């Protein structure tokens, strides 16, 4: 390998490291801004005071904005299992600690949600925690049945091909 090729590869690796570091910093800032947005929506909906935060790169738990905001929410996911029985899956969502995608991934890892439905569950969790307290329940369409296949028929009322997420 020539010296010039080696230097180019080293430069490329350094650029990759810098890019990855910037991505992590941006993701951290985005998370902090999303938390502020949720806290602002909660405080405006409840009429409780919102404290200012000067540095968006340092996220604080939502509860630190005001003592009256919840640190966590208890959620219930109503979804059909592999035997086509409607099940309630209850779990906690902690502001400042959990992410919608992380919680949905845990549900998939536990075998409670089909991996094909992970994005739909993520979006539903994000909708509820972002629009809380105005939204307490959402019904959303699933991509695949619990066995990974397509739904032959769907019915929103009986939650066939749909699931319901509720703030308890």
C-alpha atoms as a PDB file:
ATOM      1  CA  UNK A   1       0.000   0.000   0.000  1.00  0.00           C
ATOM      2  CA  UNK A   2       1.450   3.348  -0.974  1.00  0.00           C
ATOM      3  CA  UNK A   3       2.040   6.096   1.564  1.00  0.00           C
ATOM      4  CA  UNK A   4      -0.481   8.307  -0.209  1.00  0.00           C
ATOM      5  CA  UNK A   5      -3.177   5.595  -0.061  1.00  0.00           C
ATOM      6  CA  UNK A   6      -2.505   5.004   3.641  1.00  0.00           C
ATOM      7  CA  UNK A   7      -2.809   8.736   4.396  1.00  0.00           C
ATOM      8  CA  UNK A   8      -6.075   8.955   2.457  1.00  0.00           C
ATOM      9  CA  UNK A   9      -7.485   5.993   4.391  1.00  0.00           C
ATOM     10  CA  UNK A  10      -6.431   7.547   7.714  1.00  0.00           C
ATOM     11  CA  UNK A  11      -8.055  10.831   6.713  1.00  0.00           C
ATOM     12  CA  UNK A  12     -11.220   8.982   5.697  1.00  0.00           C
ATOM     13  CA  UNK A  13     -11.354   7.172   9.063  1.00  0.00           C
ATOM     14  CA  UNK A  14     -10.854  10.460  10.926  1.00  0.00           C
ATOM     15  CA  UNK A  15     -13.690  12.062   8.958  1.00  0.00           C
ATOM     16  CA  UNK A  16     -15.932   9.096   9.791  1.00  0.00           C
ATOM     17  CA  UNK A  17     -15.150   9.510  13.519  1.00  0.00           C
ATOM     18  CA  UNK A  18     -15.879  13.241  13.360  1.00  0.00           C
ATOM     19  CA  UNK A  19     -19.122  12.629  11.497  1.00  0.00           C
ATOM     20  CA  UNK A  20     -20.244  10.028  14.044  1.00  0.00           C
ATOM     21  CA  UNK A  21     -19.419  12.378  16.924  1.00  0.00           C
ATOM     22  CA  UNK A  22     -21.431  15.185  15.293  1.00  0.00           C
ATOM     23  CA  UNK A  23     -24.365  12.814  14.729  1.00  0.00           C
ATOM     24  CA  UNK A  24     -24.348  11.872  18.419  1.00  0.00           C
ATOM     25  CA  UNK A  25     -24.228  15.547  19.449  1.00  0.00           C
ATOM     26  CA  UNK A  26     -27.120  16.425  17.131  1.00  0.00           C
ATOM     27  CA  UNK A  27     -29.194  13.489  18.396  1.00  0.00           C
ATOM     28  CA  UNK A  28     -28.557  14.639  21.966  1.00  0.00           C
ATOM     29  CA  UNK A  29     -29.699  18.171  21.077  1.00  0.00           C
ATOM     30  CA  UNK A  30     -32.781  16.855  19.265  1.00  0.00           C
ATOM     31  CA  UNK A  31     -33.735  14.780  22.315  1.00  0.00           C
ATOM     32  CA  UNK A  32     -33.335  17.813  24.563  1.00  0.00           C
ATOM     33  CA  UNK A  33     -35.516  19.924  22.277  1.00  0.00           C
ATOM     34  CA  UNK A  34     -38.181  17.207  22.120  1.00  0.00           C
ATOM     35  CA  UNK A  35     -38.243  17.115  25.919  1.00  0.00           C
ATOM     36  CA  UNK A  36     -38.640  20.877  26.073  1.00  0.00           C
ATOM     37  CA  UNK A  37     -41.455  20.684  23.542  1.00  0.00           C
ATOM     38  CA  UNK A  38     -43.285  18.011  25.566  1.00  0.00           C
ATOM     39  CA  UNK A  39     -42.829  19.968  28.780  1.00  0.00           C
ATOM     40  CA  UNK A  40     -44.062  23.153  27.096  1.00  0.00           C
ATOM     41  CA  UNK A  41     -47.162  21.389  25.779  1.00  0.00           C
ATOM     42  CA  UNK A  42     -47.829  19.891  29.194  1.00  0.00           C
ATOM     43  CA  UNK A  43     -47.384  23.197  30.992  1.00  0.00           C
ATOM     44  CA  UNK A  44     -49.543  25.125  28.543  1.00  0.00           C
ATOM     45  CA  UNK A  45     -52.273  22.482  28.687  1.00  0.00           C
ATOM     46  CA  UNK A  46     -52.256  22.370  32.484  1.00  0.00           C
ATOM     47  CA  UNK A  47     -51.581  26.067  33.082  1.00  0.00           C
ATOM     48  CA  UNK A  48     -48.524  25.232  35.165  1.00  0.00           C
ATOM     49  CA  UNK A  49     -45.377  27.399  34.916  1.00  0.00           C
ATOM     50  CA  UNK A  50     -42.577  26.533  32.507  1.00  0.00           C
ATOM     51  CA  UNK A  51     -39.003  27.384  33.456  1.00  0.00           C
ATOM     52  CA  UNK A  52     -36.572  28.591  30.813  1.00  0.00           C
ATOM     53  CA  UNK A  53     -33.584  26.528  29.801  1.00  0.00           C
ATOM     54  CA  UNK A  54     -30.590  28.203  28.242  1.00  0.00           C
ATOM     55  CA  UNK A  55     -28.583  25.238  26.907  1.00  0.00           C
ATOM     56  CA  UNK A  56     -30.458  22.792  24.670  1.00  0.00           C
ATOM     57  CA  UNK A  57     -27.465  20.433  24.648  1.00  0.00           C
ATOM     58  CA  UNK A  58     -28.025  19.595  28.333  1.00  0.00           C
ATOM     59  CA  UNK A  59     -31.380  17.809  28.632  1.00  0.00           C
ATOM     60  CA  UNK A  60     -33.241  17.791  31.899  1.00  0.00           C
ATOM     61  CA  UNK A  61     -35.949  15.368  32.895  1.00  0.00           C
ATOM     62  CA  UNK A  62     -39.395  16.779  32.175  1.00  0.00           C
ATOM     63  CA  UNK A  63     -40.239  16.673  35.881  1.00  0.00           C
ATOM     64  CA  UNK A  64     -37.500  19.204  36.643  1.00  0.00           C
ATOM     65  CA  UNK A  65     -39.410  21.890  34.726  1.00  0.00           C
ATOM     66  CA  UNK A  66     -42.126  21.832  37.319  1.00  0.00           C
ATOM     67  CA  UNK A  67     -42.932  19.499  40.159  1.00  0.00           C
ATOM     68  CA  UNK A  68     -46.486  18.972  38.871  1.00  0.00           C
ATOM     69  CA  UNK A  69     -45.524  17.299  35.601  1.00  0.00           C
ATOM     70  CA  UNK A  70     -45.265  13.501  35.638  1.00  0.00           C
ATOM     71  CA  UNK A  71     -41.849  11.872  35.610  1.00  0.00           C
ATOM     72  CA  UNK A  72     -43.365   8.841  33.925  1.00  0.00           C
ATOM     73  CA  UNK A  73     -46.557   7.663  32.295  1.00  0.00           C
ATOM     74  CA  UNK A  74     -48.198   4.294  32.607  1.00  0.00           C
ATOM     75  CA  UNK A  75     -49.328   3.144  29.176  1.00  0.00           C
ATOM     76  CA  UNK A  76     -51.448   0.210  28.052  1.00  0.00           C
ATOM     77  CA  UNK A  77     -51.140  -1.336  24.609  1.00  0.00           C
ATOM     78  CA  UNK A  78     -54.207  -3.340  23.568  1.00  0.00           C
ATOM     79  CA  UNK A  79     -53.142  -5.706  20.788  1.00  0.00           C
ATOM     80  CA  UNK A  80     -54.003  -9.195  19.541  1.00  0.00           C
ATOM     81  CA  UNK A  81     -51.557 -12.033  20.266  1.00  0.00           C
ATOM     82  CA  UNK A  82     -50.671 -15.054  18.100  1.00  0.00           C
ATOM     83  CA  UNK A  83     -53.842 -16.829  19.306  1.00  0.00           C
ATOM     84  CA  UNK A  84     -55.867 -13.814  18.103  1.00  0.00           C
ATOM     85  CA  UNK A  85     -56.821 -12.915  21.692  1.00  0.00           C
ATOM     86  CA  UNK A  86     -56.912  -9.249  22.681  1.00  0.00           C
ATOM     87  CA  UNK A  87     -54.280  -8.559  25.348  1.00  0.00           C
ATOM     88  CA  UNK A  88     -53.478  -5.491  27.460  1.00  0.00           C
ATOM     89  CA  UNK A  89     -49.745  -4.893  27.825  1.00  0.00           C
ATOM     90  CA  UNK A  90     -49.017  -2.335  30.554  1.00  0.00           C
ATOM     91  CA  UNK A  91     -45.679  -0.555  30.752  1.00  0.00           C
ATOM     92  CA  UNK A  92     -44.060   2.659  31.966  1.00  0.00           C
ATOM     93  CA  UNK A  93     -42.610   5.470  29.869  1.00  0.00           C
ATOM     94  CA  UNK A  94     -40.123   7.653  31.791  1.00  0.00           C
ATOM     95  CA  UNK A  95     -39.553  11.171  30.458  1.00  0.00           C
ATOM     96  CA  UNK A  96     -35.879  11.975  30.010  1.00  0.00           C
ATOM     97  CA  UNK A  97     -34.960   8.297  30.229  1.00  0.00           C
ATOM     98  CA  UNK A  98     -37.012   6.410  27.656  1.00  0.00           C
ATOM     99  CA  UNK A  99     -37.511   6.953  23.966  1.00  0.00           C
ATOM    100  CA  UNK A 100     -40.530   5.823  21.991  1.00  0.00           C
ATOM    101  CA  UNK A 101     -38.334   3.677  19.746  1.00  0.00           C
ATOM    102  CA  UNK A 102     -36.514   2.133  22.693  1.00  0.00           C
ATOM    103  CA  UNK A 103     -39.759   1.147  24.406  1.00  0.00           C
ATOM    104  CA  UNK A 104     -41.159  -0.285  21.154  1.00  0.00           C
ATOM    105  CA  UNK A 105     -37.937  -2.259  20.637  1.00  0.00           C
ATOM    106  CA  UNK A 106     -38.306  -3.714  24.148  1.00  0.00           C
ATOM    107  CA  UNK A 107     -41.856  -4.819  23.326  1.00  0.00           C
ATOM    108  CA  UNK A 108     -40.549  -6.520  20.171  1.00  0.00           C
ATOM    109  CA  UNK A 109     -37.643  -8.131  22.058  1.00  0.00           C
ATOM    110  CA  UNK A 110     -40.069  -9.492  24.651  1.00  0.00           C
ATOM    111  CA  UNK A 111     -42.105 -11.091  21.853  1.00  0.00           C
ATOM    112  CA  UNK A 112     -45.161  -8.960  22.621  1.00  0.00           C
ATOM    113  CA  UNK A 113     -45.139  -7.047  19.315  1.00  0.00           C
ATOM    114  CA  UNK A 114     -44.196  -8.285  15.853  1.00  0.00           C
ATOM    115  CA  UNK A 115     -41.055  -6.545  14.534  1.00  0.00           C
ATOM    116  CA  UNK A 116     -42.970  -5.400  11.436  1.00  0.00           C
ATOM    117  CA  UNK A 117     -45.185  -3.298  13.739  1.00  0.00           C
ATOM    118  CA  UNK A 118     -42.323  -1.645  15.639  1.00  0.00           C
ATOM    119  CA  UNK A 119     -42.513   1.653  13.721  1.00  0.00           C
ATOM    120  CA  UNK A 120     -46.293   1.895  14.154  1.00  0.00           C
ATOM    121  CA  UNK A 121     -45.941   1.340  17.914  1.00  0.00           C
ATOM    122  CA  UNK A 122     -43.056   3.835  18.074  1.00  0.00           C
ATOM    123  CA  UNK A 123     -45.147   6.480  16.300  1.00  0.00           C
ATOM    124  CA  UNK A 124     -48.129   5.866  18.589  1.00  0.00           C
ATOM    125  CA  UNK A 125     -46.016   6.187  21.752  1.00  0.00           C
ATOM    126  CA  UNK A 126     -44.389   9.351  20.411  1.00  0.00           C
ATOM    127  CA  UNK A 127     -47.809  10.823  19.576  1.00  0.00           C
ATOM    128  CA  UNK A 128     -49.144  10.216  23.072  1.00  0.00           C
ATOM    129  CA  UNK A 129     -46.112  11.441  25.013  1.00  0.00           C
ATOM    130  CA  UNK A 130     -45.734  14.506  22.792  1.00  0.00           C
ATOM    131  CA  UNK A 131     -49.411  15.513  22.859  1.00  0.00           C
ATOM    132  CA  UNK A 132     -50.026  14.609  26.496  1.00  0.00           C
ATOM    133  CA  UNK A 133     -52.341  15.539  28.242  1.00  0.00           C
ATOM    134  CA  UNK A 134     -54.670  16.411  25.346  1.00  0.00           C
ATOM    135  CA  UNK A 135     -54.295  12.942  23.808  1.00  0.00           C
ATOM    136  CA  UNK A 136     -55.001  10.048  26.167  1.00  0.00           C
ATOM    137  CA  UNK A 137     -55.692   7.326  23.600  1.00  0.00           C
ATOM    138  CA  UNK A 138     -54.796   6.493  20.036  1.00  0.00           C
ATOM    139  CA  UNK A 139     -55.840   3.672  17.721  1.00  0.00           C
ATOM    140  CA  UNK A 140     -53.375   2.875  14.967  1.00  0.00           C
ATOM    141  CA  UNK A 141     -53.077   0.433  12.073  1.00  0.00           C
ATOM    142  CA  UNK A 142     -50.662  -2.477  12.241  1.00  0.00           C
ATOM    143  CA  UNK A 143     -48.518  -3.674   9.352  1.00  0.00           C
ATOM    144  CA  UNK A 144     -48.513  -7.404  10.131  1.00  0.00           C
ATOM    145  CA  UNK A 145     -50.449  -9.859  12.249  1.00  0.00           C
ATOM    146  CA  UNK A 146     -48.719 -11.352  15.319  1.00  0.00           C
ATOM    147  CA  UNK A 147     -47.355 -14.207  13.185  1.00  0.00           C
ATOM    148  CA  UNK A 148     -45.853 -11.778  10.665  1.00  0.00           C
ATOM    149  CA  UNK A 149     -48.402 -12.329   7.912  1.00  0.00           C
ATOM    150  CA  UNK A 150     -50.861  -9.956   6.287  1.00  0.00           C
ATOM    151  CA  UNK A 151     -54.294  -9.381   7.763  1.00  0.00           C
ATOM    152  CA  UNK A 152     -57.079 -10.980   5.736  1.00  0.00           C
ATOM    153  CA  UNK A 153     -59.574  -8.485   7.102  1.00  0.00           C
ATOM    154  CA  UNK A 154     -59.262  -5.477   9.375  1.00  0.00           C
ATOM    155  CA  UNK A 155     -61.679  -3.909  11.812  1.00  0.00           C
ATOM    156  CA  UNK A 156     -60.787  -0.801  13.768  1.00  0.00           C
ATOM    157  CA  UNK A 157     -63.582  -1.278  16.331  1.00  0.00           C
ATOM    158  CA  UNK A 158     -62.604  -4.824  17.328  1.00  0.00           C
ATOM    159  CA  UNK A 159     -58.882  -4.060  16.845  1.00  0.00           C
ATOM    160  CA  UNK A 160     -58.262  -6.584  14.069  1.00  0.00           C
ATOM    161  CA  UNK A 161     -55.302  -5.133  12.189  1.00  0.00           C
ATOM    162  CA  UNK A 162     -55.258  -2.243  14.642  1.00  0.00           C
ATOM    163  CA  UNK A 163     -53.953  -1.642  18.157  1.00  0.00           C
ATOM    164  CA  UNK A 164     -54.873   0.865  20.838  1.00  0.00           C
ATOM    165  CA  UNK A 165     -52.455   2.744  23.100  1.00  0.00           C
ATOM    166  CA  UNK A 166     -53.840   4.457  26.194  1.00  0.00           C
ATOM    167  CA  UNK A 167     -52.411   6.630  28.955  1.00  0.00           C
ATOM    168  CA  UNK A 168     -53.610   5.136  32.245  1.00  0.00           C
END
